Amino acid sequence: MNYDRAATRLAFGGLVRRLETDLGAQCEFEQDTQDSSEYGRARVPAEATVCGTRIVVCVSTFGSLAELRAANPGAYFGTDDAREEGALDPADLATVEQALAELGYVSVPEVADSRK
């Protein structure tokens, strides 16, 4: 598989702009993480979500995988746990997942390691 840094950067920039448009708030982001399997993270601010919990989208350098997380990585036992505890609203998640799908990303929920 050939890694195309420029294409990944463009796709990630498009994702950040899409999240900002769809959720009506400026997202913090970091990208091109050195020595990591993660290309970048986009953070939807807590103020832009129904439950007041920040949504973090982590994009992999391997293909177009994107993992959804609540608050911070590992803050919950996973995306489902955060939703069950009332930290994530299903409509907010659907908005993010729709943006990911329409931009060609494969969305995977965070699943915490139960051995921690």
C-alpha atoms as a PDB file:
ATOM      1  CA  MET A   1       0.000   0.000   0.000  1.00  0.00           C
ATOM      2  CA  ASN A   2       1.375   3.397  -0.962  1.00  0.00           C
ATOM      3  CA  TYR A   3       0.908   6.120   1.613  1.00  0.00           C
ATOM      4  CA  ASP A   4       0.038   9.471   0.066  1.00  0.00           C
ATOM      5  CA  ARG A   5       0.702  12.136   2.706  1.00  0.00           C
ATOM      6  CA  ALA A   6      -0.717  14.964   0.564  1.00  0.00           C
ATOM      7  CA  ALA A   7      -3.987  13.099  -0.083  1.00  0.00           C
ATOM      8  CA  THR A   8      -4.288  12.215   3.605  1.00  0.00           C
ATOM      9  CA  ARG A   9      -3.720  15.863   4.574  1.00  0.00           C
ATOM     10  CA  LEU A  10      -6.367  17.070   2.105  1.00  0.00           C
ATOM     11  CA  ALA A  11      -8.893  14.477   3.273  1.00  0.00           C
ATOM     12  CA  PHE A  12      -8.286  15.324   6.924  1.00  0.00           C
ATOM     13  CA  GLY A  13      -8.663  19.052   6.243  1.00  0.00           C
ATOM     14  CA  GLY A  14     -11.956  18.318   4.507  1.00  0.00           C
ATOM     15  CA  LEU A  15     -13.108  16.308   7.501  1.00  0.00           C
ATOM     16  CA  VAL A  16     -12.315  19.130   9.933  1.00  0.00           C
ATOM     17  CA  ARG A  17     -14.171  21.668   7.769  1.00  0.00           C
ATOM     18  CA  ARG A  18     -17.148  19.320   7.440  1.00  0.00           C
ATOM     19  CA  LEU A  19     -17.370  18.756  11.204  1.00  0.00           C
ATOM     20  CA  GLU A  20     -17.173  22.500  11.811  1.00  0.00           C
ATOM     21  CA  THR A  21     -19.970  23.139   9.311  1.00  0.00           C
ATOM     22  CA  ASP A  22     -22.229  20.307  10.461  1.00  0.00           C
ATOM     23  CA  LEU A  23     -21.822  20.990  14.179  1.00  0.00           C
ATOM     24  CA  GLY A  24     -21.530  24.766  13.994  1.00  0.00           C
ATOM     25  CA  ALA A  25     -18.316  25.142  15.962  1.00  0.00           C
ATOM     26  CA  GLN A  26     -14.617  25.486  15.335  1.00  0.00           C
ATOM     27  CA  CYS A  27     -12.793  22.215  15.955  1.00  0.00           C
ATOM     28  CA  GLU A  28      -9.322  21.936  17.418  1.00  0.00           C
ATOM     29  CA  PHE A  29      -7.133  19.553  15.498  1.00  0.00           C
ATOM     30  CA  GLU A  30      -3.639  18.190  15.226  1.00  0.00           C
ATOM     31  CA  GLN A  31      -2.299  16.345  12.235  1.00  0.00           C
ATOM     32  CA  ASP A  32       0.662  14.575  10.720  1.00  0.00           C
ATOM     33  CA  THR A  33       1.652  13.020  14.034  1.00  0.00           C
ATOM     34  CA  GLN A  34       5.225  11.838  13.786  1.00  0.00           C
ATOM     35  CA  ASP A  35       6.050   8.192  14.570  1.00  0.00           C
ATOM     36  CA  SER A  36       2.418   7.245  15.070  1.00  0.00           C
ATOM     37  CA  SER A  37      -0.195   5.125  13.354  1.00  0.00           C
ATOM     38  CA  GLU A  38      -2.572   8.016  13.927  1.00  0.00           C
ATOM     39  CA  TYR A  39      -2.484  10.743  11.280  1.00  0.00           C
ATOM     40  CA  GLY A  40      -4.488  13.258  13.261  1.00  0.00           C
ATOM     41  CA  ARG A  41      -7.261  14.146  15.679  1.00  0.00           C
ATOM     42  CA  ALA A  42     -10.193  16.477  15.320  1.00  0.00           C
ATOM     43  CA  ARG A  43     -11.929  17.595  18.494  1.00  0.00           C
ATOM     44  CA  VAL A  44     -15.533  18.743  18.411  1.00  0.00           C
ATOM     45  CA  PRO A  45     -15.869  21.098  21.399  1.00  0.00           C
ATOM     46  CA  ALA A  46     -18.163  20.154  24.264  1.00  0.00           C
ATOM     47  CA  GLU A  47     -20.217  23.319  23.716  1.00  0.00           C
ATOM     48  CA  ALA A  48     -21.222  22.039  20.263  1.00  0.00           C
ATOM     49  CA  THR A  49     -22.685  18.763  21.538  1.00  0.00           C
ATOM     50  CA  VAL A  50     -26.059  18.043  23.096  1.00  0.00           C
ATOM     51  CA  CYS A  51     -24.586  16.327  26.181  1.00  0.00           C
ATOM     52  CA  GLY A  52     -21.706  18.759  26.660  1.00  0.00           C
ATOM     53  CA  THR A  53     -19.023  16.138  26.031  1.00  0.00           C
ATOM     54  CA  ARG A  54     -16.261  16.691  23.513  1.00  0.00           C
ATOM     55  CA  ILE A  55     -16.176  14.232  20.598  1.00  0.00           C
ATOM     56  CA  VAL A  56     -12.733  13.205  19.386  1.00  0.00           C
ATOM     57  CA  VAL A  57     -12.233  11.735  15.915  1.00  0.00           C
ATOM     58  CA  CYS A  58      -8.886   9.977  15.453  1.00  0.00           C
ATOM     59  CA  VAL A  59      -7.859   9.305  11.858  1.00  0.00           C
ATOM     60  CA  SER A  60      -5.423   6.522  11.042  1.00  0.00           C
ATOM     61  CA  THR A  61      -2.544   6.727   8.613  1.00  0.00           C
ATOM     62  CA  PHE A  62      -3.589   3.263   7.441  1.00  0.00           C
ATOM     63  CA  GLY A  63      -6.284   3.707   4.857  1.00  0.00           C
ATOM     64  CA  SER A  64      -9.292   5.667   5.894  1.00  0.00           C
ATOM     65  CA  LEU A  65     -10.095   4.384   9.380  1.00  0.00           C
ATOM     66  CA  ALA A  66     -11.508   6.852  11.891  1.00  0.00           C
ATOM     67  CA  GLU A  67     -12.208   6.097  15.535  1.00  0.00           C
ATOM     68  CA  LEU A  68     -14.821   8.029  17.512  1.00  0.00           C
ATOM     69  CA  ARG A  69     -14.151   8.750  21.166  1.00  0.00           C
ATOM     70  CA  ALA A  70     -15.863  10.659  23.946  1.00  0.00           C
ATOM     71  CA  ALA A  71     -13.966  13.328  25.888  1.00  0.00           C
ATOM     72  CA  ASN A  72     -10.449  11.851  25.693  1.00  0.00           C
ATOM     73  CA  PRO A  73      -9.102   8.469  24.613  1.00  0.00           C
ATOM     74  CA  GLY A  74      -9.818   5.976  27.376  1.00  0.00           C
ATOM     75  CA  ALA A  75     -12.176   8.273  29.311  1.00  0.00           C
ATOM     76  CA  TYR A  76     -14.902   5.635  28.918  1.00  0.00           C
ATOM     77  CA  PHE A  77     -14.864   1.898  28.277  1.00  0.00           C
ATOM     78  CA  GLY A  78     -15.811   2.757  24.720  1.00  0.00           C
ATOM     79  CA  THR A  79     -18.167   4.800  22.599  1.00  0.00           C
ATOM     80  CA  ASP A  80     -21.142   2.620  23.536  1.00  0.00           C
ATOM     81  CA  ASP A  81     -20.338   3.049  27.245  1.00  0.00           C
ATOM     82  CA  ALA A  82     -20.185   6.833  26.865  1.00  0.00           C
ATOM     83  CA  ARG A  83     -23.539   6.838  25.076  1.00  0.00           C
ATOM     84  CA  GLU A  84     -25.137   4.606  27.728  1.00  0.00           C
ATOM     85  CA  GLU A  85     -23.844   6.912  30.482  1.00  0.00           C
ATOM     86  CA  GLY A  86     -25.416   9.910  28.745  1.00  0.00           C
ATOM     87  CA  ALA A  87     -22.112  11.502  27.717  1.00  0.00           C
ATOM     88  CA  LEU A  88     -22.766  11.190  23.973  1.00  0.00           C
ATOM     89  CA  ASP A  89     -25.971  11.997  22.156  1.00  0.00           C
ATOM     90  CA  PRO A  90     -27.002   9.594  19.366  1.00  0.00           C
ATOM     91  CA  ALA A  91     -27.818  12.538  17.058  1.00  0.00           C
ATOM     92  CA  ASP A  92     -24.330  14.033  17.522  1.00  0.00           C
ATOM     93  CA  LEU A  93     -22.764  10.654  16.812  1.00  0.00           C
ATOM     94  CA  ALA A  94     -24.943  10.221  13.740  1.00  0.00           C
ATOM     95  CA  THR A  95     -23.852  13.627  12.440  1.00  0.00           C
ATOM     96  CA  VAL A  96     -20.177  12.741  12.841  1.00  0.00           C
ATOM     97  CA  GLU A  97     -20.627   9.246  11.413  1.00  0.00           C
ATOM     98  CA  GLN A  98     -22.504  10.614   8.391  1.00  0.00           C
ATOM     99  CA  ALA A  99     -19.692  13.092   7.688  1.00  0.00           C
ATOM    100  CA  LEU A 100     -17.130  10.305   7.953  1.00  0.00           C
ATOM    101  CA  ALA A 101     -19.070   7.998   5.637  1.00  0.00           C
ATOM    102  CA  GLU A 102     -19.698  10.680   3.021  1.00  0.00           C
ATOM    103  CA  LEU A 103     -15.993  11.586   3.023  1.00  0.00           C
ATOM    104  CA  GLY A 104     -14.939   7.962   2.535  1.00  0.00           C
ATOM    105  CA  TYR A 105     -13.833   7.120   6.071  1.00  0.00           C
ATOM    106  CA  VAL A 106     -14.670   3.868   7.814  1.00  0.00           C
ATOM    107  CA  SER A 107     -15.907   4.715  11.301  1.00  0.00           C
ATOM    108  CA  VAL A 108     -15.040   2.431  14.187  1.00  0.00           C
ATOM    109  CA  PRO A 109     -16.184   3.009  17.771  1.00  0.00           C
ATOM    110  CA  GLU A 110     -13.656   3.205  20.566  1.00  0.00           C
ATOM    111  CA  VAL A 111     -13.426  -0.045  22.475  1.00  0.00           C
ATOM    112  CA  ALA A 112     -11.380   0.210  25.648  1.00  0.00           C
ATOM    113  CA  ASP A 113      -9.098  -2.573  26.729  1.00  0.00           C
ATOM    114  CA  SER A 114     -10.966  -4.390  29.513  1.00  0.00           C
ATOM    115  CA  ARG A 115      -7.658  -5.582  30.964  1.00  0.00           C
ATOM    116  CA  LYS A 116      -6.796  -2.105  32.308  1.00  0.00           C
END
